[in-house]
Amino acid sequence: MGMGRVRFFTGLEDATEYAARLLRKACTQGQRVQVLGPQDRLRRIERAVLQLPGFLPLAVSDASASVRRRSRICLLERFESGSGNDWVILNLQDEAFGPVDDVNQVIELVEDEPQAVQQGRRRFKAYQAQGQQPEHLVLGAPS
């Protein structure tokens, strides 16, 4: 299995809003996304997605396994493997996702605030320790 790509989007003012827009884009492109994180962050993402115009189908962690397997977007506390390696992981956990080889891509969102930046650096180094070469994209560069 090939190695998945890791991408860090930094300088974000609001990671929740950005995640919702990213999920809309992924859905229109036919990608499958597992958003991984603690329940409170997942609920915020779900609310942000519901604020977007139109309908964006997603499955939450308490949906049945068959619904989660058929869904393009899943909001989960833990990665669910076994349904192919075409998943994009939107990692909202404090720790780095792994093993990256099991998925197509991992996306990390880092808000422009000191604690988030420090956690992001720690995850970046953890991916490097896994043998990854994360891409770094600065989105909220100061003007």
N, C-alpha and C. Protein backbone atom coordinates (compact mmCIF):
# COMPACT_ATOMS: atom_id res chain seq x y z
N MET A 1 0.85 -1.17 0.00
CA MET A 1 0.00 0.00 0.00
C MET A 1 0.89 1.23 0.00
N GLY A 2 0.56 2.27 -0.81
CA GLY A 2 1.36 3.47 -0.88
C GLY A 2 1.19 4.34 0.34
N MET A 3 2.14 5.25 0.47
CA MET A 3 2.09 6.14 1.62
C MET A 3 1.08 7.26 1.36
N GLY A 4 0.28 7.56 2.38
CA GLY A 4 -0.64 8.67 2.30
C GLY A 4 0.10 9.99 2.45
N ARG A 5 -0.51 11.02 1.97
CA ARG A 5 0.07 12.36 2.04
C ARG A 5 -0.45 13.06 3.28
N VAL A 6 0.39 13.88 3.92
CA VAL A 6 0.01 14.65 5.09
C VAL A 6 0.13 16.13 4.75
N ARG A 7 -0.96 16.87 5.01
CA ARG A 7 -0.98 18.31 4.71
C ARG A 7 -1.42 19.09 5.94
N PHE A 8 -0.65 20.11 6.28
CA PHE A 8 -0.97 21.01 7.38
C PHE A 8 -1.44 22.34 6.81
N PHE A 9 -2.64 22.76 7.21
CA PHE A 9 -3.16 24.08 6.86
C PHE A 9 -3.07 24.92 8.13
N THR A 10 -2.23 25.96 8.11
CA THR A 10 -2.00 26.74 9.32
C THR A 10 -2.45 28.19 9.13
N GLY A 11 -2.46 28.91 10.26
CA GLY A 11 -2.84 30.31 10.24
C GLY A 11 -4.34 30.54 10.17
N LEU A 12 -5.12 29.51 10.51
CA LEU A 12 -6.57 29.62 10.41
C LEU A 12 -7.15 30.43 11.56
N GLU A 13 -8.10 31.29 11.23
CA GLU A 13 -8.80 32.04 12.26
C GLU A 13 -9.83 31.15 12.95
N ASP A 14 -10.53 30.32 12.16
CA ASP A 14 -11.59 29.46 12.69
C ASP A 14 -11.53 28.10 11.99
N ALA A 15 -10.93 27.12 12.66
CA ALA A 15 -10.76 25.79 12.06
C ALA A 15 -12.10 25.10 11.83
N THR A 16 -13.09 25.37 12.68
CA THR A 16 -14.39 24.73 12.53
C THR A 16 -15.06 25.17 11.23
N GLU A 17 -15.09 26.45 10.99
CA GLU A 17 -15.68 26.98 9.75
C GLU A 17 -14.91 26.47 8.53
N TYR A 18 -13.59 26.47 8.61
CA TYR A 18 -12.78 26.00 7.50
C TYR A 18 -13.04 24.52 7.24
N ALA A 19 -13.15 23.75 8.31
CA ALA A 19 -13.42 22.31 8.16
C ALA A 19 -14.75 22.07 7.45
N ALA A 20 -15.77 22.84 7.80
CA ALA A 20 -17.08 22.69 7.15
C ALA A 20 -16.98 22.97 5.65
N ARG A 21 -16.28 24.02 5.29
CA ARG A 21 -16.11 24.34 3.85
C ARG A 21 -15.29 23.27 3.14
N LEU A 22 -14.27 22.76 3.84
CA LEU A 22 -13.44 21.71 3.27
C LEU A 22 -14.26 20.44 3.02
N LEU A 23 -15.15 20.12 3.95
CA LEU A 23 -16.01 18.95 3.79
C LEU A 23 -16.96 19.12 2.60
N ARG A 24 -17.50 20.31 2.42
CA ARG A 24 -18.37 20.57 1.27
C ARG A 24 -17.59 20.33 -0.03
N LYS A 25 -16.38 20.87 -0.10
CA LYS A 25 -15.55 20.70 -1.30
C LYS A 25 -15.24 19.23 -1.53
N ALA A 26 -14.85 18.52 -0.48
CA ALA A 26 -14.53 17.09 -0.61
C ALA A 26 -15.73 16.30 -1.11
N CYS A 27 -16.91 16.64 -0.59
CA CYS A 27 -18.13 15.94 -0.99
C CYS A 27 -18.43 16.17 -2.47
N THR A 28 -18.29 17.41 -2.93
CA THR A 28 -18.56 17.70 -4.35
C THR A 28 -17.53 17.01 -5.26
N GLN A 29 -16.35 16.72 -4.72
CA GLN A 29 -15.31 16.03 -5.50
C GLN A 29 -15.41 14.51 -5.37
N GLY A 30 -16.40 14.03 -4.61
CA GLY A 30 -16.59 12.59 -4.47
C GLY A 30 -15.60 11.91 -3.54
N GLN A 31 -14.92 12.67 -2.69
CA GLN A 31 -13.97 12.07 -1.76
C GLN A 31 -14.69 11.54 -0.53
N ARG A 32 -14.06 10.58 0.12
CA ARG A 32 -14.58 10.03 1.38
C ARG A 32 -13.72 10.56 2.51
N VAL A 33 -14.36 11.16 3.53
CA VAL A 33 -13.63 11.81 4.61
C VAL A 33 -14.09 11.28 5.96
N GLN A 34 -13.12 10.92 6.79
CA GLN A 34 -13.39 10.64 8.20
C GLN A 34 -12.82 11.81 8.98
N VAL A 35 -13.70 12.52 9.69
CA VAL A 35 -13.27 13.60 10.57
C VAL A 35 -13.10 12.98 11.94
N LEU A 36 -11.88 13.02 12.46
CA LEU A 36 -11.57 12.37 13.73
C LEU A 36 -11.30 13.41 14.80
N GLY A 37 -11.97 13.25 15.94
CA GLY A 37 -11.73 14.18 17.03
C GLY A 37 -12.62 13.88 18.21
N PRO A 38 -12.45 14.68 19.26
CA PRO A 38 -13.31 14.51 20.43
C PRO A 38 -14.75 14.93 20.11
N GLN A 39 -15.68 14.35 20.83
CA GLN A 39 -17.11 14.55 20.57
C GLN A 39 -17.52 16.02 20.52
N ASP A 40 -16.99 16.88 21.40
CA ASP A 40 -17.39 18.29 21.39
C ASP A 40 -16.97 18.99 20.10
N ARG A 41 -15.79 18.68 19.60
CA ARG A 41 -15.35 19.29 18.33
C ARG A 41 -16.17 18.75 17.16
N LEU A 42 -16.49 17.46 17.21
CA LEU A 42 -17.30 16.88 16.14
C LEU A 42 -18.69 17.51 16.10
N ARG A 43 -19.27 17.79 17.27
CA ARG A 43 -20.58 18.44 17.31
C ARG A 43 -20.50 19.85 16.71
N ARG A 44 -19.40 20.57 16.99
CA ARG A 44 -19.24 21.91 16.41
C ARG A 44 -19.12 21.83 14.89
N ILE A 45 -18.40 20.84 14.40
CA ILE A 45 -18.27 20.64 12.95
C ILE A 45 -19.64 20.33 12.35
N GLU A 46 -20.38 19.44 13.00
CA GLU A 46 -21.72 19.08 12.50
C GLU A 46 -22.61 20.32 12.41
N ARG A 47 -22.61 21.15 13.46
CA ARG A 47 -23.41 22.39 13.44
C ARG A 47 -22.97 23.32 12.32
N ALA A 48 -21.66 23.45 12.12
CA ALA A 48 -21.14 24.32 11.07
C ALA A 48 -21.56 23.81 9.68
N VAL A 49 -21.53 22.50 9.49
CA VAL A 49 -21.95 21.91 8.21
C VAL A 49 -23.43 22.19 7.97
N LEU A 50 -24.24 22.08 9.02
CA LEU A 50 -25.68 22.32 8.88
C LEU A 50 -25.99 23.79 8.55
N GLN A 51 -25.06 24.70 8.85
CA GLN A 51 -25.25 26.12 8.54
C GLN A 51 -24.99 26.41 7.06
N LEU A 52 -24.27 25.52 6.38
CA LEU A 52 -23.95 25.74 4.97
C LEU A 52 -25.21 25.60 4.12
N PRO A 53 -25.26 26.33 3.01
CA PRO A 53 -26.42 26.16 2.12
C PRO A 53 -26.44 24.77 1.50
N GLY A 54 -27.62 24.26 1.23
CA GLY A 54 -27.76 22.94 0.63
C GLY A 54 -27.65 21.84 1.66
N PHE A 55 -27.53 20.62 1.17
CA PHE A 55 -27.50 19.45 2.04
C PHE A 55 -26.16 18.75 1.88
N LEU A 56 -25.51 18.44 2.98
CA LEU A 56 -24.25 17.72 2.96
C LEU A 56 -24.44 16.46 3.80
N PRO A 57 -24.55 15.30 3.15
CA PRO A 57 -24.81 14.06 3.90
C PRO A 57 -23.60 13.65 4.73
N LEU A 58 -23.85 13.37 6.00
CA LEU A 58 -22.77 12.89 6.85
C LEU A 58 -23.31 11.92 7.88
N ALA A 59 -22.42 11.08 8.37
CA ALA A 59 -22.78 10.10 9.40
C ALA A 59 -22.01 10.44 10.66
N VAL A 60 -22.69 10.35 11.79
CA VAL A 60 -22.04 10.58 13.07
C VAL A 60 -21.71 9.24 13.71
N SER A 61 -20.93 9.27 14.78
CA SER A 61 -20.42 8.02 15.36
C SER A 61 -21.49 7.08 15.85
N ASP A 62 -22.67 7.60 16.23
CA ASP A 62 -23.71 6.68 16.71
C ASP A 62 -24.60 6.14 15.59
N ALA A 63 -24.29 6.47 14.34
CA ALA A 63 -25.01 5.87 13.20
C ALA A 63 -24.60 4.40 13.09
N SER A 64 -25.45 3.60 12.45
CA SER A 64 -25.12 2.17 12.31
C SER A 64 -23.86 2.00 11.46
N ALA A 65 -23.19 0.87 11.65
CA ALA A 65 -21.97 0.59 10.90
C ALA A 65 -22.23 0.60 9.39
N SER A 66 -23.38 0.09 8.96
CA SER A 66 -23.66 0.07 7.52
C SER A 66 -23.85 1.48 6.97
N VAL A 67 -24.46 2.37 7.76
CA VAL A 67 -24.61 3.76 7.32
C VAL A 67 -23.24 4.43 7.24
N ARG A 68 -22.40 4.21 8.24
CA ARG A 68 -21.06 4.81 8.22
C ARG A 68 -20.25 4.30 7.03
N ARG A 69 -20.37 3.01 6.70
CA ARG A 69 -19.62 2.46 5.56
C ARG A 69 -20.06 3.07 4.24
N ARG A 70 -21.35 3.40 4.13
CA ARG A 70 -21.88 3.97 2.88
C ARG A 70 -21.71 5.47 2.78
N SER A 71 -21.41 6.13 3.87
CA SER A 71 -21.35 7.59 3.89
C SER A 71 -20.02 8.11 3.36
N ARG A 72 -20.09 9.23 2.69
CA ARG A 72 -18.87 9.88 2.19
C ARG A 72 -18.17 10.67 3.29
N ILE A 73 -18.94 11.17 4.25
CA ILE A 73 -18.37 11.96 5.34
C ILE A 73 -18.82 11.36 6.67
N CYS A 74 -17.86 11.02 7.51
CA CYS A 74 -18.15 10.44 8.82
C CYS A 74 -17.44 11.26 9.90
N LEU A 75 -18.19 11.60 10.95
CA LEU A 75 -17.64 12.30 12.10
C LEU A 75 -17.45 11.27 13.21
N LEU A 76 -16.20 10.94 13.51
CA LEU A 76 -15.90 9.81 14.39
C LEU A 76 -14.85 10.14 15.44
N GLU A 77 -14.93 9.46 16.55
CA GLU A 77 -13.91 9.64 17.59
C GLU A 77 -12.65 8.83 17.28
N ARG A 78 -12.81 7.71 16.54
CA ARG A 78 -11.68 6.85 16.18
C ARG A 78 -11.78 6.44 14.72
N PHE A 79 -10.63 6.24 14.10
CA PHE A 79 -10.56 5.80 12.71
C PHE A 79 -11.21 4.44 12.55
N GLU A 80 -12.01 4.29 11.50
CA GLU A 80 -12.61 3.00 11.16
C GLU A 80 -11.98 2.50 9.87
N SER A 81 -11.14 1.49 10.02
CA SER A 81 -10.48 0.91 8.85
C SER A 81 -11.36 -0.18 8.27
N GLY A 82 -10.86 -0.84 7.28
CA GLY A 82 -11.58 -1.99 6.73
C GLY A 82 -12.49 -1.64 5.58
N SER A 83 -12.54 -0.37 5.19
CA SER A 83 -13.41 -0.02 4.05
C SER A 83 -12.59 0.62 2.95
N GLY A 84 -11.39 0.11 2.75
CA GLY A 84 -10.53 0.60 1.69
C GLY A 84 -9.61 1.70 2.20
N ASN A 85 -8.62 2.04 1.38
CA ASN A 85 -7.66 3.05 1.79
C ASN A 85 -7.87 4.37 1.05
N ASP A 86 -9.09 4.60 0.56
CA ASP A 86 -9.36 5.83 -0.19
C ASP A 86 -9.81 6.98 0.72
N TRP A 87 -9.79 6.77 2.03
CA TRP A 87 -10.24 7.80 2.95
C TRP A 87 -9.27 8.98 3.02
N VAL A 88 -9.84 10.17 3.15
CA VAL A 88 -9.11 11.36 3.56
C VAL A 88 -9.44 11.51 5.04
N ILE A 89 -8.42 11.74 5.85
CA ILE A 89 -8.62 11.94 7.29
C ILE A 89 -8.46 13.42 7.59
N LEU A 90 -9.48 14.00 8.20
CA LEU A 90 -9.39 15.36 8.73
C LEU A 90 -9.18 15.17 10.23
N ASN A 91 -7.93 15.33 10.67
CA ASN A 91 -7.57 14.99 12.04
C ASN A 91 -7.73 16.20 12.95
N LEU A 92 -8.67 16.11 13.88
CA LEU A 92 -8.90 17.17 14.87
C LEU A 92 -8.50 16.69 16.26
N GLN A 93 -7.77 15.60 16.30
CA GLN A 93 -7.31 15.05 17.57
C GLN A 93 -6.04 15.79 18.01
N ASP A 94 -5.71 15.67 19.29
CA ASP A 94 -4.50 16.30 19.80
C ASP A 94 -3.24 15.59 19.32
N GLU A 95 -3.36 14.31 19.00
CA GLU A 95 -2.21 13.51 18.57
C GLU A 95 -2.22 13.31 17.06
N ALA A 96 -1.06 13.01 16.51
CA ALA A 96 -0.94 12.73 15.07
C ALA A 96 -1.70 11.46 14.74
N PHE A 97 -2.25 11.39 13.54
CA PHE A 97 -2.93 10.20 13.06
C PHE A 97 -1.88 9.20 12.57
N GLY A 98 -2.17 7.93 12.75
CA GLY A 98 -1.25 6.95 12.20
C GLY A 98 -1.87 5.56 12.24
N PRO A 99 -1.44 4.66 11.42
CA PRO A 99 -0.43 4.85 10.38
C PRO A 99 -1.02 5.50 9.13
N VAL A 100 -0.28 6.44 8.60
CA VAL A 100 -0.72 7.20 7.44
C VAL A 100 -0.86 6.31 6.21
N ASP A 101 -0.10 5.22 6.16
CA ASP A 101 -0.16 4.31 5.01
C ASP A 101 -1.55 3.74 4.77
N ASP A 102 -2.40 3.74 5.80
CA ASP A 102 -3.73 3.14 5.70
C ASP A 102 -4.75 4.03 5.01
N VAL A 103 -4.38 5.27 4.66
CA VAL A 103 -5.34 6.21 4.08
C VAL A 103 -4.74 6.95 2.89
N ASN A 104 -5.59 7.64 2.16
CA ASN A 104 -5.18 8.41 1.00
C ASN A 104 -4.45 9.68 1.41
N GLN A 105 -4.98 10.38 2.43
CA GLN A 105 -4.44 11.67 2.80
C GLN A 105 -4.86 12.02 4.24
N VAL A 106 -4.01 12.75 4.94
CA VAL A 106 -4.34 13.27 6.26
C VAL A 106 -4.23 14.78 6.19
N ILE A 107 -5.28 15.46 6.68
CA ILE A 107 -5.28 16.92 6.73
C ILE A 107 -5.32 17.35 8.19
N GLU A 108 -4.43 18.27 8.53
CA GLU A 108 -4.36 18.84 9.87
C GLU A 108 -4.68 20.33 9.74
N LEU A 109 -5.58 20.82 10.59
CA LEU A 109 -5.93 22.24 10.61
C LEU A 109 -5.37 22.85 11.88
N VAL A 110 -4.65 23.96 11.75
CA VAL A 110 -4.02 24.60 12.90
C VAL A 110 -4.45 26.06 12.96
N GLU A 111 -5.19 26.38 14.03
CA GLU A 111 -5.62 27.76 14.22
C GLU A 111 -4.44 28.63 14.64
N ASP A 112 -4.57 29.92 14.37
CA ASP A 112 -3.52 30.88 14.67
C ASP A 112 -3.63 31.34 16.13
N GLU A 113 -3.36 30.42 17.04
CA GLU A 113 -3.34 30.75 18.47
C GLU A 113 -2.28 29.87 19.11
N PRO A 114 -1.56 30.41 20.11
CA PRO A 114 -0.34 29.76 20.60
C PRO A 114 -0.45 28.28 20.96
N GLN A 115 -1.48 27.88 21.70
CA GLN A 115 -1.60 26.47 22.09
C GLN A 115 -1.81 25.59 20.87
N ALA A 116 -2.66 26.02 19.93
CA ALA A 116 -2.90 25.23 18.71
C ALA A 116 -1.63 25.12 17.88
N VAL A 117 -0.87 26.20 17.79
CA VAL A 117 0.38 26.19 17.03
C VAL A 117 1.37 25.21 17.66
N GLN A 118 1.47 25.22 19.00
CA GLN A 118 2.37 24.31 19.69
C GLN A 118 1.96 22.85 19.46
N GLN A 119 0.65 22.55 19.56
CA GLN A 119 0.17 21.19 19.30
C GLN A 119 0.42 20.80 17.84
N GLY A 120 0.23 21.75 16.92
CA GLY A 120 0.47 21.49 15.51
C GLY A 120 1.93 21.13 15.24
N ARG A 121 2.83 21.86 15.87
CA ARG A 121 4.27 21.55 15.71
C ARG A 121 4.58 20.15 16.22
N ARG A 122 3.97 19.78 17.35
CA ARG A 122 4.21 18.46 17.91
C ARG A 122 3.71 17.37 16.95
N ARG A 123 2.52 17.59 16.36
CA ARG A 123 1.99 16.60 15.40
C ARG A 123 2.86 16.55 14.15
N PHE A 124 3.32 17.72 13.66
CA PHE A 124 4.18 17.78 12.48
C PHE A 124 5.43 16.92 12.70
N LYS A 125 6.06 17.08 13.87
CA LYS A 125 7.26 16.30 14.20
C LYS A 125 6.94 14.81 14.33
N ALA A 126 5.76 14.49 14.85
CA ALA A 126 5.36 13.08 14.97
C ALA A 126 5.22 12.44 13.59
N TYR A 127 4.66 13.18 12.63
CA TYR A 127 4.56 12.64 11.26
C TYR A 127 5.96 12.44 10.67
N GLN A 128 6.85 13.39 10.91
CA GLN A 128 8.21 13.23 10.42
C GLN A 128 8.86 11.99 11.03
N ALA A 129 8.59 11.73 12.31
CA ALA A 129 9.13 10.54 12.97
C ALA A 129 8.56 9.25 12.37
N GLN A 130 7.35 9.33 11.77
CA GLN A 130 6.74 8.18 11.08
C GLN A 130 7.32 8.00 9.67
N GLY A 131 8.23 8.90 9.26
CA GLY A 131 8.82 8.83 7.92
C GLY A 131 8.06 9.64 6.89
N GLN A 132 7.13 10.45 7.31
CA GLN A 132 6.36 11.30 6.40
C GLN A 132 7.10 12.61 6.14
N GLN A 133 6.74 13.25 5.05
CA GLN A 133 7.22 14.60 4.75
C GLN A 133 6.00 15.49 4.59
N PRO A 134 5.48 16.00 5.71
CA PRO A 134 4.24 16.79 5.65
C PRO A 134 4.40 18.06 4.80
N GLU A 135 3.33 18.38 4.07
CA GLU A 135 3.27 19.65 3.35
C GLU A 135 2.74 20.70 4.32
N HIS A 136 3.23 21.93 4.18
CA HIS A 136 2.77 23.01 5.05
C HIS A 136 2.20 24.13 4.18
N LEU A 137 0.92 24.41 4.35
CA LEU A 137 0.26 25.48 3.59
C LEU A 137 -0.24 26.53 4.56
N VAL A 138 0.29 27.74 4.44
CA VAL A 138 -0.13 28.84 5.32
C VAL A 138 -1.29 29.54 4.66
N LEU A 139 -2.46 29.49 5.34
CA LEU A 139 -3.67 30.07 4.76
C LEU A 139 -3.98 31.45 5.29
N GLY A 140 -3.75 31.66 6.57
CA GLY A 140 -4.14 32.92 7.17
C GLY A 140 -2.98 33.84 7.39
N ALA A 141 -2.11 33.97 6.38
CA ALA A 141 -0.93 34.82 6.54
C ALA A 141 -1.35 36.25 6.86
N PRO A 142 -0.65 36.88 7.81
CA PRO A 142 -1.00 38.26 8.17
C PRO A 142 -0.83 39.19 6.98
N SER A 143 -1.71 40.20 6.92
CA SER A 143 -1.62 41.12 5.77
C SER A 143 -0.86 42.36 6.15
